[in-house]
C-alpha atoms as a PDB file:
ATOM      1  CA  UNK A   1     -32.566 -33.686 -25.828  1.00  0.00           C
ATOM      2  CA  UNK A   2     -35.727 -33.552 -23.569  1.00  0.00           C
ATOM      3  CA  UNK A   3     -35.954 -31.823 -20.189  1.00  0.00           C
ATOM      4  CA  UNK A   4     -33.336 -29.072 -20.721  1.00  0.00           C
ATOM      5  CA  UNK A   5     -35.707 -26.104 -20.066  1.00  0.00           C
ATOM      6  CA  UNK A   6     -36.990 -27.886 -16.704  1.00  0.00           C
ATOM      7  CA  UNK A   7     -33.295 -28.448 -15.668  1.00  0.00           C
ATOM      8  CA  UNK A   8     -32.570 -24.648 -16.656  1.00  0.00           C
ATOM      9  CA  UNK A   9     -35.645 -23.269 -14.530  1.00  0.00           C
ATOM     10  CA  UNK A  10     -34.635 -25.626 -11.747  1.00  0.00           C
ATOM     11  CA  UNK A  11     -31.005 -24.040 -11.424  1.00  0.00           C
ATOM     12  CA  UNK A  12     -31.998 -20.528 -12.220  1.00  0.00           C
ATOM     13  CA  UNK A  13     -34.604 -20.743  -9.315  1.00  0.00           C
ATOM     14  CA  UNK A  14     -31.755 -22.267  -7.147  1.00  0.00           C
ATOM     15  CA  UNK A  15     -29.311 -19.548  -7.915  1.00  0.00           C
ATOM     16  CA  UNK A  16     -31.858 -16.860  -7.253  1.00  0.00           C
ATOM     17  CA  UNK A  17     -32.645 -18.420  -3.801  1.00  0.00           C
ATOM     18  CA  UNK A  18     -28.882 -18.714  -2.608  1.00  0.00           C
ATOM     19  CA  UNK A  19     -28.691 -16.552   0.432  1.00  0.00           C
ATOM     20  CA  UNK A  20     -24.756 -16.462   0.555  1.00  0.00           C
ATOM     21  CA  UNK A  21     -21.594 -17.576  -1.258  1.00  0.00           C
ATOM     22  CA  UNK A  22     -21.567 -21.019   0.351  1.00  0.00           C
ATOM     23  CA  UNK A  23     -25.086 -21.749  -0.889  1.00  0.00           C
ATOM     24  CA  UNK A  24     -24.428 -20.422  -4.229  1.00  0.00           C
ATOM     25  CA  UNK A  25     -21.320 -22.760  -4.467  1.00  0.00           C
ATOM     26  CA  UNK A  26     -23.397 -25.892  -3.722  1.00  0.00           C
ATOM     27  CA  UNK A  27     -25.873 -24.900  -6.559  1.00  0.00           C
ATOM     28  CA  UNK A  28     -22.629 -24.670  -8.877  1.00  0.00           C
ATOM     29  CA  UNK A  29     -21.498 -27.876  -8.008  1.00  0.00           C
ATOM     30  CA  UNK A  30     -24.879 -29.553  -8.430  1.00  0.00           C
ATOM     31  CA  UNK A  31     -25.118 -28.088 -11.823  1.00  0.00           C
ATOM     32  CA  UNK A  32     -21.681 -27.647 -13.376  1.00  0.00           C
ATOM     33  CA  UNK A  33     -19.414 -29.580 -11.069  1.00  0.00           C
ATOM     34  CA  UNK A  34     -17.693 -32.804 -12.144  1.00  0.00           C
ATOM     35  CA  UNK A  35     -20.601 -34.849 -10.887  1.00  0.00           C
ATOM     36  CA  UNK A  36     -23.223 -32.227 -11.575  1.00  0.00           C
ATOM     37  CA  UNK A  37     -26.401 -32.930 -13.760  1.00  0.00           C
ATOM     38  CA  UNK A  38     -25.153 -30.847 -16.759  1.00  0.00           C
ATOM     39  CA  UNK A  39     -21.665 -32.316 -16.547  1.00  0.00           C
ATOM     40  CA  UNK A  40     -23.437 -35.707 -16.554  1.00  0.00           C
ATOM     41  CA  UNK A  41     -25.436 -34.959 -19.715  1.00  0.00           C
ATOM     42  CA  UNK A  42     -22.215 -33.818 -21.540  1.00  0.00           C
ATOM     43  CA  UNK A  43     -20.595 -37.122 -20.744  1.00  0.00           C
ATOM     44  CA  UNK A  44     -23.544 -38.880 -22.729  1.00  0.00           C
ATOM     45  CA  UNK A  45     -22.607 -37.224 -25.961  1.00  0.00           C
ATOM     46  CA  UNK A  46     -19.999 -39.559 -26.725  1.00  0.00           C
ATOM     47  CA  UNK A  47     -22.709 -42.213 -27.091  1.00  0.00           C
ATOM     48  CA  UNK A  48     -24.631 -40.470 -29.752  1.00  0.00           C
ATOM     49  CA  UNK A  49     -24.535 -40.251 -33.459  1.00  0.00           C
ATOM     50  CA  UNK A  50     -22.571 -37.262 -34.978  1.00  0.00           C
ATOM     51  CA  UNK A  51     -25.789 -35.394 -35.888  1.00  0.00           C
ATOM     52  CA  UNK A  52     -27.463 -36.013 -32.449  1.00  0.00           C
ATOM     53  CA  UNK A  53     -24.086 -35.104 -30.777  1.00  0.00           C
ATOM     54  CA  UNK A  54     -23.953 -31.700 -32.816  1.00  0.00           C
ATOM     55  CA  UNK A  55     -27.494 -30.534 -31.958  1.00  0.00           C
ATOM     56  CA  UNK A  56     -27.353 -31.919 -28.194  1.00  0.00           C
ATOM     57  CA  UNK A  57     -23.859 -30.413 -27.616  1.00  0.00           C
ATOM     58  CA  UNK A  58     -25.115 -26.831 -28.934  1.00  0.00           C
ATOM     59  CA  UNK A  59     -28.024 -27.074 -26.512  1.00  0.00           C
ATOM     60  CA  UNK A  60     -25.977 -28.101 -23.511  1.00  0.00           C
ATOM     61  CA  UNK A  61     -23.445 -25.496 -24.188  1.00  0.00           C
ATOM     62  CA  UNK A  62     -26.210 -22.900 -24.091  1.00  0.00           C
ATOM     63  CA  UNK A  63     -27.607 -24.254 -20.926  1.00  0.00           C
ATOM     64  CA  UNK A  64     -24.274 -24.267 -19.284  1.00  0.00           C
ATOM     65  CA  UNK A  65     -23.482 -20.776 -20.281  1.00  0.00           C
ATOM     66  CA  UNK A  66     -26.864 -19.491 -18.842  1.00  0.00           C
ATOM     67  CA  UNK A  67     -26.454 -21.155 -15.608  1.00  0.00           C
ATOM     68  CA  UNK A  68     -22.935 -20.024 -15.330  1.00  0.00           C
ATOM     69  CA  UNK A  69     -23.882 -16.215 -16.250  1.00  0.00           C
ATOM     70  CA  UNK A  70     -26.478 -16.673 -13.473  1.00  0.00           C
ATOM     71  CA  UNK A  71     -24.039 -17.875 -11.049  1.00  0.00           C
ATOM     72  CA  UNK A  72     -21.653 -14.923 -11.692  1.00  0.00           C
ATOM     73  CA  UNK A  73     -24.499 -12.154 -11.489  1.00  0.00           C
ATOM     74  CA  UNK A  74     -25.460 -13.682  -8.175  1.00  0.00           C
ATOM     75  CA  UNK A  75     -22.000 -13.899  -6.714  1.00  0.00           C
ATOM     76  CA  UNK A  76     -21.484 -10.103  -7.625  1.00  0.00           C
ATOM     77  CA  UNK A  77     -24.706  -9.258  -6.110  1.00  0.00           C
ATOM     78  CA  UNK A  78     -23.829 -11.029  -2.792  1.00  0.00           C
ATOM     79  CA  UNK A  79     -20.701  -9.135  -2.894  1.00  0.00           C
ATOM     80  CA  UNK A  80     -22.376  -5.807  -3.246  1.00  0.00           C
ATOM     81  CA  UNK A  81     -24.839  -6.605  -0.613  1.00  0.00           C
ATOM     82  CA  UNK A  82     -21.827  -7.612   1.808  1.00  0.00           C
ATOM     83  CA  UNK A  83     -19.977  -4.479   1.008  1.00  0.00           C
ATOM     84  CA  UNK A  84     -23.171  -2.391   1.805  1.00  0.00           C
ATOM     85  CA  UNK A  85     -23.714  -4.118   5.052  1.00  0.00           C
ATOM     86  CA  UNK A  86     -20.256  -3.588   5.932  1.00  0.00           C
ATOM     87  CA  UNK A  87     -20.303   0.155   5.065  1.00  0.00           C
ATOM     88  CA  UNK A  88     -23.293   0.449   7.128  1.00  0.00           C
ATOM     89  CA  UNK A  89     -21.756  -1.242  10.132  1.00  0.00           C
ATOM     90  CA  UNK A  90     -18.654   0.914   9.944  1.00  0.00           C
ATOM     91  CA  UNK A  91     -20.358   4.185   9.172  1.00  0.00           C
ATOM     92  CA  UNK A  92     -18.904   7.156  10.936  1.00  0.00           C
ATOM     93  CA  UNK A  93     -20.649  10.587  11.594  1.00  0.00           C
ATOM     94  CA  UNK A  94     -17.773  12.976  10.383  1.00  0.00           C
ATOM     95  CA  UNK A  95     -19.965  15.897  11.820  1.00  0.00           C
ATOM     96  CA  UNK A  96     -19.265  14.651  15.490  1.00  0.00           C
ATOM     97  CA  UNK A  97     -16.913  16.876  17.322  1.00  0.00           C
ATOM     98  CA  UNK A  98     -13.162  15.671  17.006  1.00  0.00           C
ATOM     99  CA  UNK A  99     -11.134  14.323  20.066  1.00  0.00           C
ATOM    100  CA  UNK A 100      -9.662  17.273  22.258  1.00  0.00           C
ATOM    101  CA  UNK A 101      -6.464  18.749  20.822  1.00  0.00           C
ATOM    102  CA  UNK A 102      -3.489  17.560  22.614  1.00  0.00           C
ATOM    103  CA  UNK A 103      -0.645  19.798  23.206  1.00  0.00           C
ATOM    104  CA  UNK A 104       2.563  18.945  21.539  1.00  0.00           C
ATOM    105  CA  UNK A 105       5.855  19.036  23.261  1.00  0.00           C
ATOM    106  CA  UNK A 106       9.423  20.017  22.366  1.00  0.00           C
ATOM    107  CA  UNK A 107      11.861  16.990  22.322  1.00  0.00           C
ATOM    108  CA  UNK A 108      14.711  17.395  25.023  1.00  0.00           C
ATOM    109  CA  UNK A 109      17.479  17.647  22.064  1.00  0.00           C
ATOM    110  CA  UNK A 110      15.480  20.464  20.533  1.00  0.00           C
ATOM    111  CA  UNK A 111      14.992  22.204  23.513  1.00  0.00           C
ATOM    112  CA  UNK A 112      18.515  22.151  24.402  1.00  0.00           C
ATOM    113  CA  UNK A 113      19.569  23.259  20.909  1.00  0.00           C
ATOM    114  CA  UNK A 114      17.399  26.202  21.064  1.00  0.00           C
ATOM    115  CA  UNK A 115      18.820  27.080  24.642  1.00  0.00           C
ATOM    116  CA  UNK A 116      22.436  26.950  23.738  1.00  0.00           C
ATOM    117  CA  UNK A 117      21.607  28.699  20.463  1.00  0.00           C
ATOM    118  CA  UNK A 118      20.082  31.568  22.600  1.00  0.00           C
ATOM    119  CA  UNK A 119      23.051  31.657  24.964  1.00  0.00           C
ATOM    120  CA  UNK A 120      25.680  31.800  22.392  1.00  0.00           C
ATOM    121  CA  UNK A 121      23.836  34.594  20.389  1.00  0.00           C
ATOM    122  CA  UNK A 122      23.767  36.643  23.311  1.00  0.00           C
ATOM    123  CA  UNK A 123      27.570  36.476  23.160  1.00  0.00           C
ATOM    124  CA  UNK A 124      27.683  37.331  19.449  1.00  0.00           C
ATOM    125  CA  UNK A 125      27.762  33.807  17.802  1.00  0.00           C
ATOM    126  CA  UNK A 126      25.828  33.203  14.632  1.00  0.00           C
ATOM    127  CA  UNK A 127      24.653  29.868  13.517  1.00  0.00           C
ATOM    128  CA  UNK A 128      26.274  28.218  10.676  1.00  0.00           C
ATOM    129  CA  UNK A 129      25.004  24.967   9.122  1.00  0.00           C
ATOM    130  CA  UNK A 130      26.347  22.461   6.496  1.00  0.00           C
ATOM    131  CA  UNK A 131      25.646  19.113   4.744  1.00  0.00           C
ATOM    132  CA  UNK A 132      25.633  15.677   6.819  1.00  0.00           C
ATOM    133  CA  UNK A 133      27.182  13.873   3.787  1.00  0.00           C
ATOM    134  CA  UNK A 134      30.670  15.326   3.697  1.00  0.00           C
ATOM    135  CA  UNK A 135      33.813  14.825   1.335  1.00  0.00           C
ATOM    136  CA  UNK A 136      36.626  13.308   2.840  1.00  0.00           C
ATOM    137  CA  UNK A 137      38.433  16.647   2.405  1.00  0.00           C
ATOM    138  CA  UNK A 138      36.314  18.665   4.677  1.00  0.00           C
ATOM    139  CA  UNK A 139      35.561  16.113   7.370  1.00  0.00           C
ATOM    140  CA  UNK A 140      39.497  15.065   7.777  1.00  0.00           C
ATOM    141  CA  UNK A 141      42.067  16.638   5.588  1.00  0.00           C
ATOM    142  CA  UNK A 142      40.964  20.315   6.014  1.00  0.00           C
ATOM    143  CA  UNK A 143      41.021  19.725   9.618  1.00  0.00           C
ATOM    144  CA  UNK A 144      44.589  18.480   9.899  1.00  0.00           C
ATOM    145  CA  UNK A 145      43.492  14.764  10.638  1.00  0.00           C
ATOM    146  CA  UNK A 146      46.195  12.528   9.127  1.00  0.00           C
ATOM    147  CA  UNK A 147      45.596   9.519   6.895  1.00  0.00           C
ATOM    148  CA  UNK A 148      46.633   7.065   9.402  1.00  0.00           C
ATOM    149  CA  UNK A 149      44.265   8.594  12.021  1.00  0.00           C
ATOM    150  CA  UNK A 150      41.966   5.968  13.827  1.00  0.00           C
ATOM    151  CA  UNK A 151      38.768   8.288  13.006  1.00  0.00           C
ATOM    152  CA  UNK A 152      39.424   7.682   9.309  1.00  0.00           C
ATOM    153  CA  UNK A 153      39.008   3.869   9.538  1.00  0.00           C
ATOM    154  CA  UNK A 154      35.754   2.210   8.563  1.00  0.00           C
ATOM    155  CA  UNK A 155      35.365   0.704  12.130  1.00  0.00           C
ATOM    156  CA  UNK A 156      34.733   4.172  13.237  1.00  0.00           C
ATOM    157  CA  UNK A 157      33.289   6.211  10.478  1.00  0.00           C
ATOM    158  CA  UNK A 158      30.409   5.534   7.911  1.00  0.00           C
ATOM    159  CA  UNK A 159      31.884   5.819   4.404  1.00  0.00           C
ATOM    160  CA  UNK A 160      29.532   6.247   1.406  1.00  0.00           C
ATOM    161  CA  UNK A 161      29.369   3.664  -0.997  1.00  0.00           C
ATOM    162  CA  UNK A 162      31.308   4.252  -4.399  1.00  0.00           C
ATOM    163  CA  UNK A 163      30.589   2.461  -7.628  1.00  0.00           C
ATOM    164  CA  UNK A 164      33.439   0.552  -9.188  1.00  0.00           C
ATOM    165  CA  UNK A 165      35.747   2.939 -11.238  1.00  0.00           C
ATOM    166  CA  UNK A 166      34.353   6.219  -9.481  1.00  0.00           C
ATOM    167  CA  UNK A 167      37.513   8.308  -8.891  1.00  0.00           C
ATOM    168  CA  UNK A 168      35.799  11.201  -7.171  1.00  0.00           C
ATOM    169  CA  UNK A 169      37.028  11.782  -3.493  1.00  0.00           C
ATOM    170  CA  UNK A 170      35.373   9.565  -0.911  1.00  0.00           C
ATOM    171  CA  UNK A 171      32.219  11.008   1.095  1.00  0.00           C
ATOM    172  CA  UNK A 172      31.341  10.088   4.777  1.00  0.00           C
ATOM    173  CA  UNK A 173      28.463  10.837   6.948  1.00  0.00           C
ATOM    174  CA  UNK A 174      30.137  13.717   8.912  1.00  0.00           C
ATOM    175  CA  UNK A 175      31.850  12.439  12.232  1.00  0.00           C
ATOM    176  CA  UNK A 176      31.629  15.913  13.929  1.00  0.00           C
ATOM    177  CA  UNK A 177      30.364  19.241  12.822  1.00  0.00           C
ATOM    178  CA  UNK A 178      33.808  20.821  12.546  1.00  0.00           C
ATOM    179  CA  UNK A 179      33.522  20.686   8.671  1.00  0.00           C
ATOM    180  CA  UNK A 180      30.940  23.460   9.147  1.00  0.00           C
ATOM    181  CA  UNK A 181      33.673  25.592  10.497  1.00  0.00           C
ATOM    182  CA  UNK A 182      35.842  25.072   7.442  1.00  0.00           C
ATOM    183  CA  UNK A 183      32.797  25.887   4.989  1.00  0.00           C
ATOM    184  CA  UNK A 184      31.945  29.071   7.138  1.00  0.00           C
ATOM    185  CA  UNK A 185      35.679  30.220   7.097  1.00  0.00           C
ATOM    186  CA  UNK A 186      35.929  29.794   3.347  1.00  0.00           C
ATOM    187  CA  UNK A 187      32.471  31.422   2.841  1.00  0.00           C
ATOM    188  CA  UNK A 188      32.867  34.421   5.365  1.00  0.00           C
ATOM    189  CA  UNK A 189      36.547  34.554   6.203  1.00  0.00           C
ATOM    190  CA  UNK A 190      37.822  36.270   9.147  1.00  0.00           C
ATOM    191  CA  UNK A 191      36.860  37.600  11.701  1.00  0.00           C
ATOM    192  CA  UNK A 192      34.163  35.228  12.289  1.00  0.00           C
ATOM    193  CA  UNK A 193      32.232  34.117  15.335  1.00  0.00           C
ATOM    194  CA  UNK A 194      29.870  31.082  14.656  1.00  0.00           C
ATOM    195  CA  UNK A 195      28.378  27.769  16.357  1.00  0.00           C
ATOM    196  CA  UNK A 196      27.663  24.772  14.405  1.00  0.00           C
ATOM    197  CA  UNK A 197      24.788  22.547  15.940  1.00  0.00           C
ATOM    198  CA  UNK A 198      23.573  19.438  14.123  1.00  0.00           C
ATOM    199  CA  UNK A 199      23.671  15.704  13.630  1.00  0.00           C
ATOM    200  CA  UNK A 200      26.981  13.682  13.525  1.00  0.00           C
ATOM    201  CA  UNK A 201      27.532  10.024  12.934  1.00  0.00           C
ATOM    202  CA  UNK A 202      29.843   7.218  14.364  1.00  0.00           C
ATOM    203  CA  UNK A 203      29.938   3.509  14.621  1.00  0.00           C
ATOM    204  CA  UNK A 204      28.890   3.259  18.266  1.00  0.00           C
ATOM    205  CA  UNK A 205      26.034   2.011  20.307  1.00  0.00           C
ATOM    206  CA  UNK A 206      25.513   1.566  23.902  1.00  0.00           C
ATOM    207  CA  UNK A 207      23.836   3.440  27.032  1.00  0.00           C
ATOM    208  CA  UNK A 208      26.174   6.582  26.333  1.00  0.00           C
ATOM    209  CA  UNK A 209      26.666   6.180  22.657  1.00  0.00           C
ATOM    210  CA  UNK A 210      24.490   6.204  19.445  1.00  0.00           C
ATOM    211  CA  UNK A 211      25.521   5.827  15.763  1.00  0.00           C
ATOM    212  CA  UNK A 212      23.641   9.272  15.397  1.00  0.00           C
ATOM    213  CA  UNK A 213      23.968  11.754  17.882  1.00  0.00           C
ATOM    214  CA  UNK A 214      24.091  15.685  18.034  1.00  0.00           C
ATOM    215  CA  UNK A 215      27.106  18.104  18.485  1.00  0.00           C
ATOM    216  CA  UNK A 216      27.530  21.809  18.730  1.00  0.00           C
ATOM    217  CA  UNK A 217      30.956  23.241  17.887  1.00  0.00           C
ATOM    218  CA  UNK A 218      31.985  26.886  18.262  1.00  0.00           C
ATOM    219  CA  UNK A 219      34.644  28.904  16.475  1.00  0.00           C
ATOM    220  CA  UNK A 220      35.817  32.582  17.100  1.00  0.00           C
ATOM    221  CA  UNK A 221      38.484  34.000  14.862  1.00  0.00           C
ATOM    222  CA  UNK A 222      40.091  37.450  15.221  1.00  0.00           C
ATOM    223  CA  UNK A 223      43.469  39.045  15.505  1.00  0.00           C
ATOM    224  CA  UNK A 224      44.136  38.961  19.294  1.00  0.00           C
ATOM    225  CA  UNK A 225      41.940  36.181  20.542  1.00  0.00           C
ATOM    226  CA  UNK A 226      43.472  33.936  23.266  1.00  0.00           C
ATOM    227  CA  UNK A 227      42.738  30.976  25.547  1.00  0.00           C
ATOM    228  CA  UNK A 228      41.421  33.515  28.154  1.00  0.00           C
ATOM    229  CA  UNK A 229      38.656  34.476  25.712  1.00  0.00           C
ATOM    230  CA  UNK A 230      37.881  30.660  25.354  1.00  0.00           C
ATOM    231  CA  UNK A 231      37.695  30.390  29.052  1.00  0.00           C
ATOM    232  CA  UNK A 232      35.320  33.224  29.532  1.00  0.00           C
ATOM    233  CA  UNK A 233      32.866  32.079  26.768  1.00  0.00           C
ATOM    234  CA  UNK A 234      32.705  28.595  28.311  1.00  0.00           C
ATOM    235  CA  UNK A 235      32.035  29.765  31.628  1.00  0.00           C
ATOM    236  CA  UNK A 236      29.470  32.031  30.557  1.00  0.00           C
ATOM    237  CA  UNK A 237      27.485  29.246  28.719  1.00  0.00           C
ATOM    238  CA  UNK A 238      27.885  26.818  31.468  1.00  0.00           C
ATOM    239  CA  UNK A 239      26.517  29.369  34.012  1.00  0.00           C
ATOM    240  CA  UNK A 240      23.736  30.232  31.782  1.00  0.00           C
ATOM    241  CA  UNK A 241      22.875  26.784  30.626  1.00  0.00           C
ATOM    242  CA  UNK A 242      23.003  25.102  34.081  1.00  0.00           C
ATOM    243  CA  UNK A 243      21.127  28.053  35.620  1.00  0.00           C
ATOM    244  CA  UNK A 244      23.843  28.428  38.555  1.00  0.00           C
ATOM    245  CA  UNK A 245      25.235  31.669  39.781  1.00  0.00           C
ATOM    246  CA  UNK A 246      28.875  30.576  39.284  1.00  0.00           C
ATOM    247  CA  UNK A 247      30.868  27.792  37.782  1.00  0.00           C
ATOM    248  CA  UNK A 248      34.327  26.666  37.898  1.00  0.00           C
ATOM    249  CA  UNK A 249      36.202  24.983  34.885  1.00  0.00           C
ATOM    250  CA  UNK A 250      39.297  23.016  34.847  1.00  0.00           C
ATOM    251  CA  UNK A 251      41.338  22.894  31.595  1.00  0.00           C
ATOM    252  CA  UNK A 252      43.530  19.671  31.075  1.00  0.00           C
ATOM    253  CA  UNK A 253      46.192  19.337  28.332  1.00  0.00           C
ATOM    254  CA  UNK A 254      45.066  17.028  25.538  1.00  0.00           C
ATOM    255  CA  UNK A 255      45.454  16.605  21.916  1.00  0.00           C
ATOM    256  CA  UNK A 256      43.283  17.083  18.932  1.00  0.00           C
ATOM    257  CA  UNK A 257      44.610  17.292  15.376  1.00  0.00           C
ATOM    258  CA  UNK A 258      42.595  20.531  14.806  1.00  0.00           C
ATOM    259  CA  UNK A 259      43.710  22.622  17.763  1.00  0.00           C
ATOM    260  CA  UNK A 260      47.077  23.600  19.212  1.00  0.00           C
ATOM    261  CA  UNK A 261      47.219  23.811  22.328  1.00  0.00           C
ATOM    262  CA  UNK A 262      44.254  21.610  23.078  1.00  0.00           C
ATOM    263  CA  UNK A 263      42.417  21.099  26.183  1.00  0.00           C
ATOM    264  CA  UNK A 264      39.823  18.969  27.603  1.00  0.00           C
ATOM    265  CA  UNK A 265      37.337  20.732  29.997  1.00  0.00           C
ATOM    266  CA  UNK A 266      36.012  19.697  33.291  1.00  0.00           C
ATOM    267  CA  UNK A 267      33.336  21.327  35.443  1.00  0.00           C
ATOM    268  CA  UNK A 268      33.171  21.363  39.207  1.00  0.00           C
ATOM    269  CA  UNK A 269      30.282  19.327  40.515  1.00  0.00           C
ATOM    270  CA  UNK A 270      28.866  17.294  43.304  1.00  0.00           C
ATOM    271  CA  UNK A 271      27.081  14.092  43.622  1.00  0.00           C
ATOM    272  CA  UNK A 272      25.807  14.196  46.902  1.00  0.00           C
ATOM    273  CA  UNK A 273      22.828  11.734  47.653  1.00  0.00           C
ATOM    274  CA  UNK A 274      22.914  10.645  43.999  1.00  0.00           C
ATOM    275  CA  UNK A 275      22.074  14.147  42.836  1.00  0.00           C
ATOM    276  CA  UNK A 276      24.082  16.110  40.153  1.00  0.00           C
ATOM    277  CA  UNK A 277      24.676  19.639  41.261  1.00  0.00           C
ATOM    278  CA  UNK A 278      26.806  21.974  38.992  1.00  0.00           C
ATOM    279  CA  UNK A 279      29.121  24.660  40.369  1.00  0.00           C
ATOM    280  CA  UNK A 280      29.574  23.088  43.883  1.00  0.00           C
ATOM    281  CA  UNK A 281      31.358  19.971  45.596  1.00  0.00           C
ATOM    282  CA  UNK A 282      34.681  18.418  45.054  1.00  0.00           C
ATOM    283  CA  UNK A 283      34.217  16.403  41.939  1.00  0.00           C
ATOM    284  CA  UNK A 284      35.036  17.106  38.373  1.00  0.00           C
ATOM    285  CA  UNK A 285      33.182  16.143  35.248  1.00  0.00           C
ATOM    286  CA  UNK A 286      34.459  16.310  31.694  1.00  0.00           C
ATOM    287  CA  UNK A 287      31.953  18.019  29.416  1.00  0.00           C
ATOM    288  CA  UNK A 288      33.806  19.229  26.350  1.00  0.00           C
ATOM    289  CA  UNK A 289      36.906  19.670  24.215  1.00  0.00           C
ATOM    290  CA  UNK A 290      38.500  22.850  23.112  1.00  0.00           C
ATOM    291  CA  UNK A 291      41.654  24.822  22.043  1.00  0.00           C
ATOM    292  CA  UNK A 292      43.204  27.156  19.771  1.00  0.00           C
ATOM    293  CA  UNK A 293      42.644  26.628  15.998  1.00  0.00           C
ATOM    294  CA  UNK A 294      45.666  24.901  14.342  1.00  0.00           C
ATOM    295  CA  UNK A 295      47.452  27.220  11.931  1.00  0.00           C
ATOM    296  CA  UNK A 296      47.062  24.348   9.281  1.00  0.00           C
ATOM    297  CA  UNK A 297      43.403  24.532   9.609  1.00  0.00           C
ATOM    298  CA  UNK A 298      43.305  28.218   9.149  1.00  0.00           C
ATOM    299  CA  UNK A 299      45.370  27.891   5.940  1.00  0.00           C
ATOM    300  CA  UNK A 300      43.348  25.077   4.667  1.00  0.00           C
ATOM    301  CA  UNK A 301      40.207  27.424   4.862  1.00  0.00           C
ATOM    302  CA  UNK A 302      42.003  30.209   3.098  1.00  0.00           C
ATOM    303  CA  UNK A 303      42.741  32.275   6.274  1.00  0.00           C
ATOM    304  CA  UNK A 304      46.204  33.529   6.968  1.00  0.00           C
ATOM    305  CA  UNK A 305      47.438  32.340  10.174  1.00  0.00           C
ATOM    306  CA  UNK A 306      50.090  34.913  10.426  1.00  0.00           C
ATOM    307  CA  UNK A 307      47.329  37.529  10.726  1.00  0.00           C
ATOM    308  CA  UNK A 308      44.667  35.612  12.473  1.00  0.00           C
ATOM    309  CA  UNK A 309      43.939  33.393  15.361  1.00  0.00           C
ATOM    310  CA  UNK A 310      41.171  31.895  17.421  1.00  0.00           C
ATOM    311  CA  UNK A 311      39.670  29.286  19.443  1.00  0.00           C
ATOM    312  CA  UNK A 312      37.231  26.265  18.892  1.00  0.00           C
ATOM    313  CA  UNK A 313      35.290  23.963  20.985  1.00  0.00           C
ATOM    314  CA  UNK A 314      32.819  21.169  20.792  1.00  0.00           C
ATOM    315  CA  UNK A 315      30.387  19.325  23.057  1.00  0.00           C
ATOM    316  CA  UNK A 316      27.726  16.696  22.758  1.00  0.00           C
ATOM    317  CA  UNK A 317      24.235  18.104  22.942  1.00  0.00           C
ATOM    318  CA  UNK A 318      22.843  14.921  23.895  1.00  0.00           C
ATOM    319  CA  UNK A 319      25.305  14.589  26.694  1.00  0.00           C
ATOM    320  CA  UNK A 320      24.480  18.049  28.225  1.00  0.00           C
ATOM    321  CA  UNK A 321      20.781  17.519  27.866  1.00  0.00           C
ATOM    322  CA  UNK A 322      21.259  14.266  29.975  1.00  0.00           C
ATOM    323  CA  UNK A 323      23.061  16.203  32.588  1.00  0.00           C
ATOM    324  CA  UNK A 324      20.662  19.113  32.788  1.00  0.00           C
ATOM    325  CA  UNK A 325      17.422  17.202  32.708  1.00  0.00           C
ATOM    326  CA  UNK A 326      18.492  13.912  34.683  1.00  0.00           C
ATOM    327  CA  UNK A 327      18.095  11.377  31.657  1.00  0.00           C
ATOM    328  CA  UNK A 328      20.115   8.184  32.358  1.00  0.00           C
ATOM    329  CA  UNK A 329      20.113   6.475  29.098  1.00  0.00           C
ATOM    330  CA  UNK A 330      21.176   8.213  25.655  1.00  0.00           C
ATOM    331  CA  UNK A 331      19.135   5.734  23.838  1.00  0.00           C
ATOM    332  CA  UNK A 332      15.894   7.103  25.258  1.00  0.00           C
ATOM    333  CA  UNK A 333      16.166  10.092  22.998  1.00  0.00           C
ATOM    334  CA  UNK A 334      15.551   7.952  19.848  1.00  0.00           C
ATOM    335  CA  UNK A 335      13.106   5.340  20.810  1.00  0.00           C
ATOM    336  CA  UNK A 336      10.000   7.315  20.238  1.00  0.00           C
ATOM    337  CA  UNK A 337       8.425   6.189  23.545  1.00  0.00           C
ATOM    338  CA  UNK A 338       5.393   8.878  23.736  1.00  0.00           C
ATOM    339  CA  UNK A 339       4.899   7.841  27.612  1.00  0.00           C
ATOM    340  CA  UNK A 340       8.627   9.046  27.960  1.00  0.00           C
ATOM    341  CA  UNK A 341       8.263  12.281  26.000  1.00  0.00           C
ATOM    342  CA  UNK A 342       5.091  13.265  27.733  1.00  0.00           C
ATOM    343  CA  UNK A 343       6.651  12.719  31.036  1.00  0.00           C
ATOM    344  CA  UNK A 344       9.321  15.448  30.040  1.00  0.00           C
ATOM    345  CA  UNK A 345       6.857  18.010  28.962  1.00  0.00           C
ATOM    346  CA  UNK A 346       7.860  20.473  31.679  1.00  0.00           C
ATOM    347  CA  UNK A 347      11.411  20.024  30.734  1.00  0.00           C
ATOM    348  CA  UNK A 348      12.514  20.955  34.447  1.00  0.00           C
ATOM    349  CA  UNK A 349      16.132  20.305  35.357  1.00  0.00           C
ATOM    350  CA  UNK A 350      16.276  17.058  37.248  1.00  0.00           C
ATOM    351  CA  UNK A 351      18.770  16.331  39.996  1.00  0.00           C
ATOM    352  CA  UNK A 352      19.140  12.670  38.944  1.00  0.00           C
ATOM    353  CA  UNK A 353      22.499  10.999  38.819  1.00  0.00           C
ATOM    354  CA  UNK A 354      23.381   9.937  35.334  1.00  0.00           C
END
């Protein structure tokens, strides 16, 4: 078959001259495409006698392979050249000075947790911690919460998935930090004085509720602790936290399964001019729940209720942070809005109504 060397030289020169991948694709189609010159010659093989077909076919396959190899090599070279150009365009001098370091800020929730920990530490309270995934026993049973209590229903509590046939006690995302009190009592015994700050979880979401929020609960157990001691501790905390010379608290009878008697606690305040002022005025605002630890709770933790007694209280950290720093929407704590976080870098108490 004549002219194959000329055809090869023609397409090898065309491949070498291709400036980009589009031009290279045009060369491929002209040579090896369905209507290309090499493909057209391959189509003539069927008209030849067997000996001619064998010899011509071998020469055409060699020609096709050589052109295809040249095309592949050129495509790789064009790719390498494009990468080099991109790297040169995106080059960065790593010896240049860095951006000015921006000072970090403490999240308002972390700020408040540090504040209240310091305040209670001055009154002799240690910090206790516990797992966020709790057994049903620690979260409910040990706290004298009966099986029919609404808090134990799936519409209020996050229950952990259990595989079919798993007979272990159910586990939940803790709904309060009270289980930490049980664990602390079982570990340390009485007397004891601890606070338990941390994350808790409940199925709720609106301007003042989120599925995950923060609580701090306090526990003090001794032989002669009374409600009077509870009142003093809460007054001292509120006075120090809200940075006011005096506060007035009001205790209202309530019911919690884990305390008896139980009381909701309100603080005297004023909303004059749309500004919250603690310790003055004629308004009352609920801030926490409290009471004397129920004898059944003491017994569940291995403490003899005939020898020991004490008080417990609990409050929402997010709630008191909103009150002190004038934050109107609880969801702002969790949206990771850097503008909002930077705006609160001073963490000054704001007198904004919430």
